[in-house]
Amino acid sequence: MYQVTPFPFRVLVVGSLMALFSSCAVTTDSTQGTFETLQNTTDASTKFTSSTSPRDEGKAKNEQDVRRFAAVNLDRLREDMARGSGEHLAAFAHLLGVREDRKAEFFAVTKKNYHVLFGSEPRTSDEMLARLDTELAGYPEWRH
């Protein structure tokens, strides 16, 4: 025998199915937007990493470390360079990539050129680094 389903039950079932299907469409759109965002991010990352090598990234990081160290320790570096020795100057030489067997020469050059690196007026760490880079350009064999 055939039984008739009450009207409110049919409305509830149909309404539930409509809500389910309509939420699927929203979920699909949301997923599509998320996928597009992920794809755009991936594309940008791929373009960036293909244009830079790990060596370039390491060099940039090392330059940031050198600049930060010089800025924070400028007074101590000034003292160590005036003496031609010291633990801050040794650490600085390491950050600059001065080979171990050339550190004594590096210390002597910083002491000899103290007046060029710092002069009589106050200098910033960036000014000192620029002058030091000019001085070290004559000794490329000192660095790794």
Protein backbone atom coordinates (compact mmCIF):
# COMPACT_ATOMS: atom_id res chain seq x y z
CA MET A 1 0.00 0.00 0.00
CA TYR A 2 1.02 3.44 -0.80
CA GLN A 3 1.40 5.86 2.14
CA VAL A 4 1.24 9.63 1.74
CA THR A 5 3.99 11.58 3.49
CA PRO A 6 2.74 14.53 5.51
CA PHE A 7 3.30 17.92 3.89
CA PRO A 8 5.46 19.44 6.69
CA PHE A 9 7.86 16.51 6.49
CA ARG A 10 8.28 16.98 2.73
CA VAL A 11 8.93 20.69 3.19
CA LEU A 12 11.57 19.90 5.81
CA VAL A 13 13.32 17.35 3.57
CA VAL A 14 13.22 19.58 0.48
CA GLY A 15 14.34 22.61 2.51
CA SER A 16 17.24 20.64 4.01
CA LEU A 17 18.33 19.43 0.57
CA MET A 18 18.18 22.98 -0.82
CA ALA A 19 20.25 24.28 2.08
CA LEU A 20 22.75 21.48 1.63
CA PHE A 21 23.15 22.10 -2.09
CA SER A 22 23.33 25.87 -1.73
CA SER A 23 26.00 25.58 0.96
CA CYS A 24 27.99 23.35 -1.35
CA ALA A 25 28.05 26.14 -3.91
CA VAL A 26 29.30 28.60 -1.29
CA THR A 27 31.92 26.11 -0.14
CA THR A 28 33.05 25.58 -3.72
CA ASP A 29 33.38 29.34 -4.26
CA SER A 30 35.25 29.72 -1.00
CA THR A 31 37.54 26.83 -1.88
CA GLN A 32 38.11 28.28 -5.34
CA GLY A 33 39.11 31.64 -3.80
CA THR A 34 41.44 29.88 -1.39
CA PHE A 35 42.94 27.86 -4.22
CA GLU A 36 43.49 31.01 -6.31
CA THR A 37 45.15 32.76 -3.36
CA LEU A 38 47.37 29.75 -2.77
CA GLN A 39 48.24 29.59 -6.47
CA ASN A 40 49.10 33.32 -6.58
CA THR A 41 51.28 32.98 -3.49
CA THR A 42 53.01 29.92 -4.93
CA ASP A 43 53.63 31.71 -8.23
CA ALA A 44 55.09 34.74 -6.46
CA SER A 45 57.30 32.55 -4.28
CA THR A 46 58.51 30.60 -7.29
CA LYS A 47 59.34 33.79 -9.18
CA PHE A 48 61.21 35.15 -6.15
CA THR A 49 63.21 32.02 -5.42
CA SER A 50 64.09 31.49 -9.06
CA SER A 51 65.49 35.03 -9.23
CA THR A 52 67.66 34.61 -6.15
CA SER A 53 70.11 31.94 -5.28
CA PRO A 54 70.73 30.58 -1.77
CA ARG A 55 74.17 32.16 -1.96
CA ASP A 56 72.64 35.60 -2.60
CA GLU A 57 70.23 35.15 0.30
CA GLY A 58 73.07 34.06 2.59
CA LYS A 59 75.15 37.04 1.52
CA ALA A 60 72.30 39.45 2.20
CA LYS A 61 71.72 37.89 5.63
CA ASN A 62 75.43 38.13 6.42
CA GLU A 63 75.48 41.81 5.39
CA GLN A 64 72.54 42.46 7.71
CA ASP A 65 74.40 40.69 10.53
CA VAL A 66 77.53 42.78 9.90
CA ARG A 67 75.53 46.02 9.86
CA ARG A 68 73.62 45.10 13.01
CA PHE A 69 76.80 44.05 14.85
CA ALA A 70 78.59 47.26 13.84
CA ALA A 71 75.66 49.43 14.91
CA VAL A 72 75.29 47.78 18.31
CA ASN A 73 79.03 47.53 19.03
CA LEU A 74 80.37 50.68 17.37
CA ASP A 75 82.01 52.07 20.52
CA ARG A 76 83.67 48.74 21.34
CA LEU A 77 84.82 48.31 17.74
CA ARG A 78 86.25 51.83 17.84
CA GLU A 79 88.26 50.93 20.97
CA ASP A 80 89.40 47.56 19.57
CA MET A 81 90.42 49.08 16.23
CA ALA A 82 92.40 51.81 18.03
CA ARG A 83 94.29 49.04 19.91
CA GLY A 84 94.47 46.68 16.94
CA SER A 85 93.01 43.80 18.93
CA GLY A 86 90.07 42.74 21.05
CA GLU A 87 87.23 40.28 21.20
CA HIS A 88 84.72 42.56 19.45
CA LEU A 89 87.15 43.14 16.59
CA ALA A 90 87.77 39.38 16.37
CA ALA A 91 84.03 38.68 16.23
CA PHE A 92 83.62 41.43 13.64
CA ALA A 93 86.40 39.94 11.51
CA HIS A 94 84.63 36.59 11.67
CA LEU A 95 81.35 38.17 10.50
CA LEU A 96 83.20 39.91 7.68
CA GLY A 97 84.57 36.55 6.56
CA VAL A 98 88.22 37.34 7.26
CA ARG A 99 90.17 34.09 7.11
CA GLU A 100 91.71 32.94 10.38
CA ASP A 101 95.26 33.14 9.03
CA ARG A 102 94.70 36.78 7.97
CA LYS A 103 93.10 38.15 11.13
CA ALA A 104 96.36 39.58 12.52
CA GLU A 105 96.83 41.52 9.27
CA PHE A 106 93.21 42.67 9.42
CA PHE A 107 93.71 43.92 12.99
CA ALA A 108 96.88 45.79 11.94
CA VAL A 109 95.11 47.44 8.99
CA THR A 110 92.20 48.60 11.15
CA LYS A 111 94.64 50.05 13.68
CA LYS A 112 96.76 51.72 10.98
CA ASN A 113 93.66 53.17 9.29
CA TYR A 114 91.79 54.09 12.45
CA HIS A 115 91.90 57.78 11.52
CA VAL A 116 90.36 56.98 8.12
CA LEU A 117 87.67 54.72 9.59
CA PHE A 118 86.62 57.04 12.38
CA GLY A 119 88.43 60.39 12.10
CA SER A 120 88.09 63.03 14.76
CA GLU A 121 84.36 63.57 14.33
CA PRO A 122 81.69 61.07 15.40
CA ARG A 123 80.92 58.50 12.72
CA THR A 124 77.97 56.21 12.22
CA SER A 125 78.42 52.48 11.82
CA ASP A 126 77.33 52.75 8.17
CA GLU A 127 80.03 55.36 7.47
CA MET A 128 82.64 53.20 9.18
CA LEU A 129 81.53 50.13 7.21
CA ALA A 130 81.72 52.00 3.91
CA ARG A 131 85.24 53.21 4.70
CA LEU A 132 86.29 49.76 5.90
CA ASP A 133 84.92 48.17 2.75
CA THR A 134 87.05 50.57 0.71
CA GLU A 135 90.13 49.66 2.75
CA LEU A 136 89.46 45.91 2.49
CA ALA A 137 88.95 46.09 -1.28
CA GLY A 138 92.74 46.02 -1.54
CA TYR A 139 92.88 42.66 0.26
CA PRO A 140 90.40 40.32 -1.46
CA GLU A 141 92.47 37.27 -0.47
CA TRP A 142 91.65 37.88 3.19
CA ARG A 143 88.03 36.80 2.85
CA HIS A 144 86.44 33.39 2.40
